[in-house]
Amino acid sequence: MSNDPGARERILTAAEKLFAETGFDATPTSKIAEAAHVPKGLVHYYFRRKSDLLTALVQRLPDEHIDPVNVVVPGDVGASLRKLVAELDARLSKSRILSHLLWREADTHRAVREALQARYHSIVTQVKSVIIAAGAGAIALADVDSAAGLFALAVSYRHSVARHAEEDAPSMDREVAFIADALNLGAGQA
């Protein structure tokens, strides 16, 4: 139906912007087609249902996997977590509009909610890996699990409200210090 290889990408870009501005339910496909400069039928050619657009947008989330080797400072949990947060923030900044859209639609769309849950669990796993690598095994695994879950919640919350920030989100120095101090205290008691 189309020889324009960029049409699908323009449709997704327009849908992302419009869904973030007005919400999924309030955005008709005719507006998406108009913003993408394509006929409305082409939107339905690529995306049979409007919800298929949302599913495709979820798949555009940036890869959040960060190799611990790139952020771990051996023996320094706090510095390692700061580097991890900086990497996660950099990836978030590349998808602020998409992130805004996903947090907005999580309550009403299962695919979005599942994507955000998977994102949270990915962050938990990464935080856990970073703590273990930085702590060189001196920290009790139960403490690592608790710290990873707590820190991932703080990062996820921070990213969920980032869309409201006029400027960059404040640092997480207090949260990092709290986690690092608690783990160091726990390691000293082991």
C-alpha atoms as a PDB file:
ATOM      1  CA  MET A   1       0.000   0.000   0.000  1.00  0.00           C
ATOM      2  CA  SER A   2       2.935   2.330   0.632  1.00  0.00           C
ATOM      3  CA  ASN A   3       6.360   2.793  -0.940  1.00  0.00           C
ATOM      4  CA  ASP A   4       7.294   5.330   1.738  1.00  0.00           C
ATOM      5  CA  PRO A   5       9.645   3.474   4.098  1.00  0.00           C
ATOM      6  CA  GLY A   6       9.506   6.313   6.634  1.00  0.00           C
ATOM      7  CA  ALA A   7       5.708   6.326   6.942  1.00  0.00           C
ATOM      8  CA  ARG A   8       5.571   3.759   9.761  1.00  0.00           C
ATOM      9  CA  GLU A   9       8.172   5.671  11.766  1.00  0.00           C
ATOM     10  CA  ARG A  10       6.356   8.989  11.221  1.00  0.00           C
ATOM     11  CA  ILE A  11       3.112   7.384  12.381  1.00  0.00           C
ATOM     12  CA  LEU A  12       4.773   6.111  15.570  1.00  0.00           C
ATOM     13  CA  THR A  13       6.445   9.451  16.235  1.00  0.00           C
ATOM     14  CA  ALA A  14       3.157  11.305  15.761  1.00  0.00           C
ATOM     15  CA  ALA A  15       1.272   8.805  17.947  1.00  0.00           C
ATOM     16  CA  GLU A  16       3.873   9.086  20.707  1.00  0.00           C
ATOM     17  CA  LYS A  17       3.636  12.873  20.739  1.00  0.00           C
ATOM     18  CA  LEU A  18      -0.149  13.046  20.530  1.00  0.00           C
ATOM     19  CA  PHE A  19      -0.774  10.274  23.077  1.00  0.00           C
ATOM     20  CA  ALA A  20       1.565  12.039  25.508  1.00  0.00           C
ATOM     21  CA  GLU A  21      -0.172  15.392  24.958  1.00  0.00           C
ATOM     22  CA  THR A  22      -3.817  14.357  25.008  1.00  0.00           C
ATOM     23  CA  GLY A  23      -3.871  10.731  26.120  1.00  0.00           C
ATOM     24  CA  PHE A  24      -4.470   7.527  24.250  1.00  0.00           C
ATOM     25  CA  ASP A  25      -8.277   7.535  24.410  1.00  0.00           C
ATOM     26  CA  ALA A  26      -8.606  11.190  23.396  1.00  0.00           C
ATOM     27  CA  THR A  27      -6.421  10.847  20.294  1.00  0.00           C
ATOM     28  CA  PRO A  28      -8.225   9.730  17.133  1.00  0.00           C
ATOM     29  CA  THR A  29      -6.243   7.925  14.440  1.00  0.00           C
ATOM     30  CA  SER A  30      -7.236  10.668  12.008  1.00  0.00           C
ATOM     31  CA  LYS A  31      -5.160  13.152  14.082  1.00  0.00           C
ATOM     32  CA  ILE A  32      -2.222  10.742  14.050  1.00  0.00           C
ATOM     33  CA  ALA A  33      -2.473  10.395  10.275  1.00  0.00           C
ATOM     34  CA  GLU A  34      -2.655  14.183   9.878  1.00  0.00           C
ATOM     35  CA  ALA A  35       0.399  14.735  12.100  1.00  0.00           C
ATOM     36  CA  ALA A  36       2.339  11.989  10.280  1.00  0.00           C
ATOM     37  CA  HIS A  37       1.322  13.383   6.862  1.00  0.00           C
ATOM     38  CA  VAL A  38      -0.144  10.064   5.723  1.00  0.00           C
ATOM     39  CA  PRO A  39      -3.633   8.915   4.751  1.00  0.00           C
ATOM     40  CA  LYS A  40      -5.677   7.506   7.642  1.00  0.00           C
ATOM     41  CA  GLY A  41      -5.852   4.132   5.885  1.00  0.00           C
ATOM     42  CA  LEU A  42      -2.066   3.852   6.100  1.00  0.00           C
ATOM     43  CA  VAL A  43      -2.224   4.087   9.893  1.00  0.00           C
ATOM     44  CA  HIS A  44      -4.560   1.079   9.869  1.00  0.00           C
ATOM     45  CA  TYR A  45      -2.397  -0.690   7.286  1.00  0.00           C
ATOM     46  CA  TYR A  46       0.566  -0.668   9.691  1.00  0.00           C
ATOM     47  CA  PHE A  47      -1.431  -0.847  12.935  1.00  0.00           C
ATOM     48  CA  ARG A  48      -4.668  -2.765  12.680  1.00  0.00           C
ATOM     49  CA  ARG A  49      -6.037  -1.384  15.964  1.00  0.00           C
ATOM     50  CA  LYS A  50      -5.136   1.822  17.755  1.00  0.00           C
ATOM     51  CA  SER A  51      -3.914  -0.239  20.695  1.00  0.00           C
ATOM     52  CA  ASP A  52      -1.344  -1.809  18.346  1.00  0.00           C
ATOM     53  CA  LEU A  53       0.243   1.644  18.145  1.00  0.00           C
ATOM     54  CA  LEU A  54       0.632   1.675  21.911  1.00  0.00           C
ATOM     55  CA  THR A  55       2.162  -1.809  21.875  1.00  0.00           C
ATOM     56  CA  ALA A  56       4.649  -0.711  19.205  1.00  0.00           C
ATOM     57  CA  LEU A  57       5.557   2.336  21.294  1.00  0.00           C
ATOM     58  CA  VAL A  58       6.219   0.148  24.338  1.00  0.00           C
ATOM     59  CA  GLN A  59       8.652  -1.842  22.209  1.00  0.00           C
ATOM     60  CA  ARG A  60      10.538   1.386  21.450  1.00  0.00           C
ATOM     61  CA  LEU A  61      11.620   1.789  25.066  1.00  0.00           C
ATOM     62  CA  PRO A  62      15.384   2.125  25.193  1.00  0.00           C
ATOM     63  CA  ASP A  63      17.368  -0.871  26.343  1.00  0.00           C
ATOM     64  CA  GLU A  64      17.957  -0.421  30.038  1.00  0.00           C
ATOM     65  CA  HIS A  65      20.592  -3.103  30.456  1.00  0.00           C
ATOM     66  CA  ILE A  66      23.824  -1.616  31.739  1.00  0.00           C
ATOM     67  CA  ASP A  67      26.848  -3.845  32.082  1.00  0.00           C
ATOM     68  CA  PRO A  68      28.057  -3.609  35.700  1.00  0.00           C
ATOM     69  CA  VAL A  69      31.636  -3.452  34.409  1.00  0.00           C
ATOM     70  CA  ASN A  70      30.844   0.033  33.082  1.00  0.00           C
ATOM     71  CA  VAL A  71      29.654   1.433  36.421  1.00  0.00           C
ATOM     72  CA  VAL A  72      31.190  -0.553  39.271  1.00  0.00           C
ATOM     73  CA  VAL A  73      33.828   1.067  41.428  1.00  0.00           C
ATOM     74  CA  PRO A  74      35.278  -1.879  43.373  1.00  0.00           C
ATOM     75  CA  GLY A  75      34.791  -1.463  47.103  1.00  0.00           C
ATOM     76  CA  ASP A  76      32.562   1.622  46.726  1.00  0.00           C
ATOM     77  CA  VAL A  77      28.841   0.842  46.590  1.00  0.00           C
ATOM     78  CA  GLY A  78      27.895   4.542  46.704  1.00  0.00           C
ATOM     79  CA  ALA A  79      30.063   5.579  43.746  1.00  0.00           C
ATOM     80  CA  SER A  80      28.869   2.534  41.808  1.00  0.00           C
ATOM     81  CA  LEU A  81      25.194   3.364  42.407  1.00  0.00           C
ATOM     82  CA  ARG A  82      25.773   7.004  41.409  1.00  0.00           C
ATOM     83  CA  LYS A  83      27.292   5.848  38.111  1.00  0.00           C
ATOM     84  CA  LEU A  84      24.390   3.451  37.552  1.00  0.00           C
ATOM     85  CA  VAL A  85      21.842   6.218  38.160  1.00  0.00           C
ATOM     86  CA  ALA A  86      23.699   8.504  35.731  1.00  0.00           C
ATOM     87  CA  GLU A  87      23.511   5.803  33.033  1.00  0.00           C
ATOM     88  CA  LEU A  88      19.813   5.141  33.672  1.00  0.00           C
ATOM     89  CA  ASP A  89      19.072   8.883  33.621  1.00  0.00           C
ATOM     90  CA  ALA A  90      20.890   9.272  30.304  1.00  0.00           C
ATOM     91  CA  ARG A  91      18.689   6.592  28.783  1.00  0.00           C
ATOM     92  CA  LEU A  92      15.561   8.157  30.255  1.00  0.00           C
ATOM     93  CA  SER A  93      16.424  11.546  28.773  1.00  0.00           C
ATOM     94  CA  LYS A  94      16.310   9.966  25.311  1.00  0.00           C
ATOM     95  CA  SER A  95      12.694   8.907  25.882  1.00  0.00           C
ATOM     96  CA  ARG A  96      11.072  11.526  28.131  1.00  0.00           C
ATOM     97  CA  ILE A  97       7.920  11.833  26.038  1.00  0.00           C
ATOM     98  CA  LEU A  98       7.584   8.072  25.731  1.00  0.00           C
ATOM     99  CA  SER A  99       8.162   7.647  29.454  1.00  0.00           C
ATOM    100  CA  HIS A 100       5.478  10.254  30.187  1.00  0.00           C
ATOM    101  CA  LEU A 101       3.063   8.457  27.909  1.00  0.00           C
ATOM    102  CA  LEU A 102       3.715   5.069  29.458  1.00  0.00           C
ATOM    103  CA  TRP A 103       3.295   6.219  33.045  1.00  0.00           C
ATOM    104  CA  ARG A 104       0.059   7.945  32.035  1.00  0.00           C
ATOM    105  CA  GLU A 105      -1.388   4.891  30.309  1.00  0.00           C
ATOM    106  CA  ALA A 106      -0.184   2.198  32.740  1.00  0.00           C
ATOM    107  CA  ASP A 107      -3.470   2.094  34.634  1.00  0.00           C
ATOM    108  CA  THR A 108      -5.595   1.418  31.583  1.00  0.00           C
ATOM    109  CA  HIS A 109      -3.414  -0.694  29.286  1.00  0.00           C
ATOM    110  CA  ARG A 110      -2.089  -4.064  30.337  1.00  0.00           C
ATOM    111  CA  ALA A 111       0.813  -4.084  27.836  1.00  0.00           C
ATOM    112  CA  VAL A 112       2.065  -0.788  29.232  1.00  0.00           C
ATOM    113  CA  ARG A 113       1.729  -1.913  32.833  1.00  0.00           C
ATOM    114  CA  GLU A 114       3.627  -5.115  32.046  1.00  0.00           C
ATOM    115  CA  ALA A 115       6.380  -3.159  30.272  1.00  0.00           C
ATOM    116  CA  LEU A 116       6.800  -0.862  33.268  1.00  0.00           C
ATOM    117  CA  GLN A 117       6.880  -3.839  35.649  1.00  0.00           C
ATOM    118  CA  ALA A 118       9.527  -5.505  33.490  1.00  0.00           C
ATOM    119  CA  ARG A 119      11.497  -2.242  33.483  1.00  0.00           C
ATOM    120  CA  TYR A 120      11.349  -2.104  37.294  1.00  0.00           C
ATOM    121  CA  HIS A 121      12.508  -5.724  37.635  1.00  0.00           C
ATOM    122  CA  SER A 122      15.348  -5.022  35.210  1.00  0.00           C
ATOM    123  CA  ILE A 123      16.465  -2.107  37.387  1.00  0.00           C
ATOM    124  CA  VAL A 124      16.280  -4.299  40.522  1.00  0.00           C
ATOM    125  CA  THR A 125      18.481  -6.905  38.842  1.00  0.00           C
ATOM    126  CA  GLN A 126      20.988  -4.285  37.726  1.00  0.00           C
ATOM    127  CA  VAL A 127      21.157  -2.605  41.131  1.00  0.00           C
ATOM    128  CA  LYS A 128      21.683  -5.999  42.738  1.00  0.00           C
ATOM    129  CA  SER A 129      24.500  -6.833  40.286  1.00  0.00           C
ATOM    130  CA  VAL A 130      26.189  -3.497  40.904  1.00  0.00           C
ATOM    131  CA  ILE A 131      25.977  -3.810  44.705  1.00  0.00           C
ATOM    132  CA  ILE A 132      27.370  -7.346  44.641  1.00  0.00           C
ATOM    133  CA  ALA A 133      30.203  -6.408  42.273  1.00  0.00           C
ATOM    134  CA  ALA A 134      31.085  -3.267  44.253  1.00  0.00           C
ATOM    135  CA  GLY A 135      30.813  -4.988  47.626  1.00  0.00           C
ATOM    136  CA  ALA A 136      32.895  -7.979  46.532  1.00  0.00           C
ATOM    137  CA  GLY A 137      30.623 -10.425  48.344  1.00  0.00           C
ATOM    138  CA  ALA A 138      31.048  -8.861  51.779  1.00  0.00           C
ATOM    139  CA  ILE A 139      27.351  -7.995  51.994  1.00  0.00           C
ATOM    140  CA  ALA A 140      24.614 -10.442  53.041  1.00  0.00           C
ATOM    141  CA  LEU A 141      22.439 -11.454  50.085  1.00  0.00           C
ATOM    142  CA  ALA A 142      19.198 -10.684  51.971  1.00  0.00           C
ATOM    143  CA  ASP A 143      20.460  -7.137  52.540  1.00  0.00           C
ATOM    144  CA  VAL A 144      21.400  -6.829  48.863  1.00  0.00           C
ATOM    145  CA  ASP A 145      17.915  -7.956  47.818  1.00  0.00           C
ATOM    146  CA  SER A 146      16.247  -5.434  50.130  1.00  0.00           C
ATOM    147  CA  ALA A 147      18.570  -2.616  49.088  1.00  0.00           C
ATOM    148  CA  ALA A 148      18.142  -3.382  45.377  1.00  0.00           C
ATOM    149  CA  GLY A 149      14.345  -3.375  45.649  1.00  0.00           C
ATOM    150  CA  LEU A 150      14.285  -0.158  47.658  1.00  0.00           C
ATOM    151  CA  PHE A 151      16.737   1.645  45.401  1.00  0.00           C
ATOM    152  CA  ALA A 152      14.946   0.476  42.229  1.00  0.00           C
ATOM    153  CA  LEU A 153      11.689   1.881  43.640  1.00  0.00           C
ATOM    154  CA  ALA A 154      13.397   5.243  44.217  1.00  0.00           C
ATOM    155  CA  VAL A 155      14.825   5.272  40.682  1.00  0.00           C
ATOM    156  CA  SER A 156      11.496   4.220  39.154  1.00  0.00           C
ATOM    157  CA  TYR A 157       9.593   6.874  41.084  1.00  0.00           C
ATOM    158  CA  ARG A 158      12.132   9.501  40.066  1.00  0.00           C
ATOM    159  CA  HIS A 159      11.720   8.529  36.418  1.00  0.00           C
ATOM    160  CA  SER A 160       7.925   8.498  36.691  1.00  0.00           C
ATOM    161  CA  VAL A 161       7.882  12.142  37.792  1.00  0.00           C
ATOM    162  CA  ALA A 162      10.738  13.278  35.524  1.00  0.00           C
ATOM    163  CA  ARG A 163       8.204  14.424  32.960  1.00  0.00           C
ATOM    164  CA  HIS A 164       7.067  17.123  35.393  1.00  0.00           C
ATOM    165  CA  ALA A 165      10.548  18.518  36.003  1.00  0.00           C
ATOM    166  CA  GLU A 166      11.465  21.811  34.405  1.00  0.00           C
ATOM    167  CA  GLU A 167      15.126  20.851  34.595  1.00  0.00           C
ATOM    168  CA  ASP A 168      17.117  17.728  35.323  1.00  0.00           C
ATOM    169  CA  ALA A 169      15.926  15.717  38.284  1.00  0.00           C
ATOM    170  CA  PRO A 170      17.782  16.366  41.540  1.00  0.00           C
ATOM    171  CA  SER A 171      20.585  13.962  42.342  1.00  0.00           C
ATOM    172  CA  MET A 172      19.929  10.848  44.339  1.00  0.00           C
ATOM    173  CA  ASP A 173      22.856  11.454  46.666  1.00  0.00           C
ATOM    174  CA  ARG A 174      20.750  11.053  49.824  1.00  0.00           C
ATOM    175  CA  GLU A 175      19.269   7.776  48.646  1.00  0.00           C
ATOM    176  CA  VAL A 176      22.673   6.488  47.514  1.00  0.00           C
ATOM    177  CA  ALA A 177      24.259   7.450  50.848  1.00  0.00           C
ATOM    178  CA  PHE A 178      21.428   5.773  52.777  1.00  0.00           C
ATOM    179  CA  ILE A 179      21.754   2.498  50.853  1.00  0.00           C
ATOM    180  CA  ALA A 180      25.565   2.510  50.923  1.00  0.00           C
ATOM    181  CA  ASP A 181      25.664   3.288  54.650  1.00  0.00           C
ATOM    182  CA  ALA A 182      23.080   0.630  55.472  1.00  0.00           C
ATOM    183  CA  LEU A 183      24.963  -1.987  53.456  1.00  0.00           C
ATOM    184  CA  ASN A 184      28.304  -1.019  54.975  1.00  0.00           C
ATOM    185  CA  LEU A 185      26.795  -1.245  58.448  1.00  0.00           C
ATOM    186  CA  GLY A 186      25.290  -4.620  57.597  1.00  0.00           C
ATOM    187  CA  ALA A 187      28.633  -5.814  56.196  1.00  0.00           C
ATOM    188  CA  GLY A 188      30.375  -4.736  59.404  1.00  0.00           C
ATOM    189  CA  GLN A 189      27.944  -6.787  61.489  1.00  0.00           C
ATOM    190  CA  ALA A 190      28.298  -9.954  59.400  1.00  0.00           C
END
